[in-house]
C-alpha atoms as a PDB file:
ATOM      1  CA  MET A   1     102.995  96.266 110.250  1.00  0.00           C
ATOM      2  CA  PRO A   2      99.496  96.250 108.680  1.00  0.00           C
ATOM      3  CA  THR A   3      97.015  93.601 109.706  1.00  0.00           C
ATOM      4  CA  GLU A   4      95.661  91.113 107.182  1.00  0.00           C
ATOM      5  CA  ALA A   5      92.338  92.967 107.198  1.00  0.00           C
ATOM      6  CA  GLN A   6      94.096  96.249 106.429  1.00  0.00           C
ATOM      7  CA  VAL A   7      95.907  94.596 103.505  1.00  0.00           C
ATOM      8  CA  LEU A   8      92.638  93.173 102.165  1.00  0.00           C
ATOM      9  CA  SER A   9      91.006  96.596 102.500  1.00  0.00           C
ATOM     10  CA  HIS A  10      93.930  98.195 100.681  1.00  0.00           C
ATOM     11  CA  LEU A  11      93.722  95.631  97.854  1.00  0.00           C
ATOM     12  CA  MET A  12      90.012  96.302  97.440  1.00  0.00           C
ATOM     13  CA  ASP A  13      90.688 100.020  97.315  1.00  0.00           C
ATOM     14  CA  ARG A  14      93.440  99.543  94.722  1.00  0.00           C
ATOM     15  CA  THR A  15      91.107  97.362  92.653  1.00  0.00           C
ATOM     16  CA  ARG A  16      88.494 100.142  92.807  1.00  0.00           C
ATOM     17  CA  GLU A  17      91.136 102.556  91.485  1.00  0.00           C
ATOM     18  CA  TRP A  18      91.373 100.357  88.377  1.00  0.00           C
ATOM     19  CA  THR A  19      87.585 100.328  88.028  1.00  0.00           C
ATOM     20  CA  ARG A  20      87.535 104.122  88.267  1.00  0.00           C
ATOM     21  CA  TYR A  21      90.325 104.279  85.662  1.00  0.00           C
ATOM     22  CA  TYR A  22      87.914 102.709  83.164  1.00  0.00           C
ATOM     23  CA  LEU A  23      84.852 104.598  84.386  1.00  0.00           C
ATOM     24  CA  SER A  24      86.506 108.013  84.141  1.00  0.00           C
ATOM     25  CA  PRO A  25      86.594 108.245  80.328  1.00  0.00           C
ATOM     26  CA  LEU A  26      83.042 106.851  80.211  1.00  0.00           C
ATOM     27  CA  ASN A  27      81.791 109.897  82.120  1.00  0.00           C
ATOM     28  CA  GLY A  28      79.505 111.859  79.821  1.00  0.00           C
ATOM     29  CA  GLN A  29      78.585 108.822  77.725  1.00  0.00           C
ATOM     30  CA  ASP A  30      75.071 107.392  77.795  1.00  0.00           C
ATOM     31  CA  PRO A  31      75.319 104.915  80.719  1.00  0.00           C
ATOM     32  CA  HIS A  32      72.328 102.960  79.380  1.00  0.00           C
ATOM     33  CA  ARG A  33      73.775 102.356  75.933  1.00  0.00           C
ATOM     34  CA  ARG A  34      73.767  98.622  75.243  1.00  0.00           C
ATOM     35  CA  PHE A  35      76.242  97.010  72.894  1.00  0.00           C
ATOM     36  CA  VAL A  36      75.598  93.662  71.227  1.00  0.00           C
ATOM     37  CA  CYS A  37      78.334  91.455  69.829  1.00  0.00           C
ATOM     38  CA  GLU A  38      77.440  88.368  67.815  1.00  0.00           C
ATOM     39  CA  GLY A  39      73.968  88.423  69.326  1.00  0.00           C
ATOM     40  CA  LYS A  40      75.215  88.672  72.917  1.00  0.00           C
ATOM     41  CA  ALA A  41      74.297  91.821  74.856  1.00  0.00           C
ATOM     42  CA  PHE A  42      76.954  93.418  77.041  1.00  0.00           C
ATOM     43  CA  ASN A  43      75.958  94.837  80.410  1.00  0.00           C
ATOM     44  CA  THR A  44      75.665  98.620  80.300  1.00  0.00           C
ATOM     45  CA  VAL A  45      77.826 101.068  82.230  1.00  0.00           C
ATOM     46  CA  PHE A  46      74.786 101.779  84.396  1.00  0.00           C
ATOM     47  CA  TRP A  47      74.346  98.073  85.169  1.00  0.00           C
ATOM     48  CA  GLN A  48      78.050  97.677  85.985  1.00  0.00           C
ATOM     49  CA  VAL A  49      78.091 100.581  88.456  1.00  0.00           C
ATOM     50  CA  ALA A  50      74.805  99.541  90.092  1.00  0.00           C
ATOM     51  CA  HIS A  51      75.958  95.913  90.276  1.00  0.00           C
ATOM     52  CA  LEU A  52      79.320  96.817  91.816  1.00  0.00           C
ATOM     53  CA  ALA A  53      77.601  99.002  94.435  1.00  0.00           C
ATOM     54  CA  THR A  54      75.174  96.197  95.229  1.00  0.00           C
ATOM     55  CA  SER A  55      77.769  93.432  95.346  1.00  0.00           C
ATOM     56  CA  GLU A  56      80.259  95.394  97.456  1.00  0.00           C
ATOM     57  CA  ASN A  57      77.399  96.231  99.820  1.00  0.00           C
ATOM     58  CA  GLY A  58      76.550  92.541 100.150  1.00  0.00           C
ATOM     59  CA  LEU A  59      80.030  91.038 100.143  1.00  0.00           C
ATOM     60  CA  LEU A  60      81.975  93.610 102.144  1.00  0.00           C
ATOM     61  CA  LEU A  61      79.317  95.093 104.409  1.00  0.00           C
ATOM     62  CA  ALA A  62      76.466  92.630 104.949  1.00  0.00           C
ATOM     63  CA  ALA A  63      78.644  89.493 104.910  1.00  0.00           C
ATOM     64  CA  THR A  64      81.117  91.037 107.374  1.00  0.00           C
ATOM     65  CA  GLN A  65      78.436  92.458 109.692  1.00  0.00           C
ATOM     66  CA  GLY A  66      79.311  95.991 108.643  1.00  0.00           C
ATOM     67  CA  PRO A  67      77.140  99.092 108.110  1.00  0.00           C
ATOM     68  CA  PHE A  68      75.005  97.612 105.315  1.00  0.00           C
ATOM     69  CA  GLU A  69      73.228 100.142 103.081  1.00  0.00           C
ATOM     70  CA  LYS A  70      69.635  99.725 101.907  1.00  0.00           C
ATOM     71  CA  PHE A  71      68.635 101.054  98.506  1.00  0.00           C
ATOM     72  CA  TRP A  72      65.462 100.123  96.631  1.00  0.00           C
ATOM     73  CA  TRP A  73      67.130  99.250  93.351  1.00  0.00           C
ATOM     74  CA  ALA A  74      69.728  96.789  94.721  1.00  0.00           C
ATOM     75  CA  LYS A  75      67.610  93.673  94.047  1.00  0.00           C
ATOM     76  CA  HIS A  76      67.590  94.530  90.339  1.00  0.00           C
ATOM     77  CA  PHE A  77      71.396  94.510  90.075  1.00  0.00           C
ATOM     78  CA  THR A  78      72.461  91.536  92.193  1.00  0.00           C
ATOM     79  CA  VAL A  79      73.674  88.086  91.098  1.00  0.00           C
ATOM     80  CA  GLY A  80      71.586  86.889  88.165  1.00  0.00           C
ATOM     81  CA  ALA A  81      69.480  90.053  87.967  1.00  0.00           C
ATOM     82  CA  HIS A  82      69.129  91.838  84.631  1.00  0.00           C
ATOM     83  CA  GLY A  83      68.608  95.394  85.836  1.00  0.00           C
ATOM     84  CA  LEU A  84      65.694  97.637  84.995  1.00  0.00           C
ATOM     85  CA  PRO A  85      64.579  99.356  81.823  1.00  0.00           C
ATOM     86  CA  PRO A  86      66.308 102.753  81.654  1.00  0.00           C
ATOM     87  CA  GLU A  87      63.080 104.662  82.308  1.00  0.00           C
ATOM     88  CA  GLN A  88      62.585 102.751  85.588  1.00  0.00           C
ATOM     89  CA  CYS A  89      66.160 103.171  86.844  1.00  0.00           C
ATOM     90  CA  PRO A  90      67.151 105.638  89.518  1.00  0.00           C
ATOM     91  CA  PRO A  91      69.167 108.610  88.259  1.00  0.00           C
ATOM     92  CA  TYR A  92      72.731 107.637  87.383  1.00  0.00           C
ATOM     93  CA  GLU A  93      74.029 110.270  89.819  1.00  0.00           C
ATOM     94  CA  GLU A  94      72.230 108.464  92.679  1.00  0.00           C
ATOM     95  CA  VAL A  95      73.754 105.132  91.687  1.00  0.00           C
ATOM     96  CA  TRP A  96      77.193 106.744  91.305  1.00  0.00           C
ATOM     97  CA  GLU A  97      76.951 108.292  94.772  1.00  0.00           C
ATOM     98  CA  THR A  98      75.857 104.962  96.278  1.00  0.00           C
ATOM     99  CA  PHE A  99      78.750 103.226  94.479  1.00  0.00           C
ATOM    100  CA  ASN A 100      81.197 105.643  96.113  1.00  0.00           C
ATOM    101  CA  THR A 101      79.544 105.737  99.556  1.00  0.00           C
ATOM    102  CA  VAL A 102      79.349 101.958  99.855  1.00  0.00           C
ATOM    103  CA  HIS A 103      82.999 101.676  98.848  1.00  0.00           C
ATOM    104  CA  ARG A 104      84.179 104.196 101.446  1.00  0.00           C
ATOM    105  CA  LYS A 105      82.220 102.395 104.172  1.00  0.00           C
ATOM    106  CA  ALA A 106      83.367  98.964 102.998  1.00  0.00           C
ATOM    107  CA  ILE A 107      87.101  99.630 102.950  1.00  0.00           C
ATOM    108  CA  ALA A 108      86.915 101.419 106.314  1.00  0.00           C
ATOM    109  CA  HIS A 109      84.969  98.533 107.859  1.00  0.00           C
ATOM    110  CA  VAL A 110      87.035  95.684 106.372  1.00  0.00           C
ATOM    111  CA  ALA A 111      90.218  97.272 107.715  1.00  0.00           C
ATOM    112  CA  THR A 112      88.869  96.901 111.268  1.00  0.00           C
ATOM    113  CA  LEU A 113      88.185  93.153 111.136  1.00  0.00           C
ATOM    114  CA  ASN A 114      90.145  90.919 113.454  1.00  0.00           C
ATOM    115  CA  GLU A 115      91.345  87.356 112.884  1.00  0.00           C
ATOM    116  CA  ALA A 116      88.206  85.858 114.412  1.00  0.00           C
ATOM    117  CA  ALA A 117      85.982  87.898 112.080  1.00  0.00           C
ATOM    118  CA  LEU A 118      88.046  86.849 109.043  1.00  0.00           C
ATOM    119  CA  ASN A 119      87.825  83.197 110.112  1.00  0.00           C
ATOM    120  CA  ALA A 120      84.050  83.358 110.676  1.00  0.00           C
ATOM    121  CA  PRO A 121      81.937  81.152 108.403  1.00  0.00           C
ATOM    122  CA  ASN A 122      80.931  82.487 104.993  1.00  0.00           C
ATOM    123  CA  PRO A 123      77.355  83.756 105.574  1.00  0.00           C
ATOM    124  CA  THR A 124      76.539  83.984 101.855  1.00  0.00           C
ATOM    125  CA  LYS A 125      75.116  81.173  99.767  1.00  0.00           C
ATOM    126  CA  LEU A 126      77.811  81.725  97.162  1.00  0.00           C
ATOM    127  CA  PRO A 127      80.299  78.883  96.519  1.00  0.00           C
ATOM    128  CA  ILE A 128      83.349  81.094  97.055  1.00  0.00           C
ATOM    129  CA  GLY A 129      84.982  79.508 100.084  1.00  0.00           C
ATOM    130  CA  GLY A 130      84.165  78.818 103.678  1.00  0.00           C
ATOM    131  CA  THR A 131      85.189  81.974 105.532  1.00  0.00           C
ATOM    132  CA  VAL A 132      84.567  85.705 105.595  1.00  0.00           C
ATOM    133  CA  ARG A 133      88.182  86.037 104.395  1.00  0.00           C
ATOM    134  CA  ASP A 134      87.147  84.067 101.283  1.00  0.00           C
ATOM    135  CA  VAL A 135      84.174  86.393 100.762  1.00  0.00           C
ATOM    136  CA  ILE A 136      86.458  89.434 100.893  1.00  0.00           C
ATOM    137  CA  SER A 137      88.944  87.803  98.504  1.00  0.00           C
ATOM    138  CA  HIS A 138      86.079  87.046  96.140  1.00  0.00           C
ATOM    139  CA  ALA A 139      84.895  90.673  96.289  1.00  0.00           C
ATOM    140  CA  ILE A 140      88.348  91.804  95.156  1.00  0.00           C
ATOM    141  CA  ARG A 141      88.400  89.296  92.265  1.00  0.00           C
ATOM    142  CA  HIS A 142      84.794  90.114  91.375  1.00  0.00           C
ATOM    143  CA  GLU A 143      85.491  93.826  91.050  1.00  0.00           C
ATOM    144  CA  GLY A 144      88.594  93.124  88.974  1.00  0.00           C
ATOM    145  CA  GLY A 145      86.547  91.037  86.554  1.00  0.00           C
ATOM    146  CA  HIS A 146      84.017  93.808  86.105  1.00  0.00           C
ATOM    147  CA  SER A 147      86.852  96.300  85.585  1.00  0.00           C
ATOM    148  CA  GLY A 148      87.851  94.251  82.558  1.00  0.00           C
ATOM    149  CA  GLN A 149      84.300  94.433  81.252  1.00  0.00           C
ATOM    150  CA  LEU A 150      84.432  98.212  81.618  1.00  0.00           C
ATOM    151  CA  GLY A 151      87.627  98.174  79.557  1.00  0.00           C
ATOM    152  CA  TRP A 152      85.716  96.431  76.767  1.00  0.00           C
ATOM    153  CA  LEU A 153      82.956  99.021  77.026  1.00  0.00           C
ATOM    154  CA  CYS A 154      85.530 101.784  76.619  1.00  0.00           C
ATOM    155  CA  LYS A 155      86.678 100.150  73.370  1.00  0.00           C
ATOM    156  CA  LEU A 156      83.086  99.832  72.169  1.00  0.00           C
ATOM    157  CA  TYR A 157      82.456 103.516  72.898  1.00  0.00           C
ATOM    158  CA  GLY A 158      85.589 104.271  70.819  1.00  0.00           C
ATOM    159  CA  ILE A 159      87.573 105.511  73.799  1.00  0.00           C
ATOM    160  CA  GLN A 160      91.348 105.196  73.450  1.00  0.00           C
ATOM    161  CA  LEU A 161      92.822 104.209  76.834  1.00  0.00           C
ATOM    162  CA  ILE A 162      96.560 103.896  76.258  1.00  0.00           C
END
């Protein structure tokens, strides 16, 4: 019987599969291309990938006392940050590799958490619940929301998904 932490890890991994489903057909597109709809700018593919790497690093590694990664560009893609101009961004391949590395570390680490770790107080300042379990649940929902945004970007790039 899997532990609760193993189930949460599995759900995060399955949510990442959905994110990768949308990212796959975007491979080869300009990741910095910005779409605007009725005067509102959408986040770019680059921003989405960098933001998901940064947020998973914070929510699933730092907040759970896991093997947190440090990368210089993270502060530009966290909550409320607007990214960097394309010419100041790290190469997309670096961000993509960080996105994948952080995810592998995060799901491996989350799966090892015990009941006491899940019940520990939420160390973030985010209003997402009072425990580490709530932080992990939020990370799963957060990624799912951004997956939907990637679906919209596929449509805007003219990519037929189904």
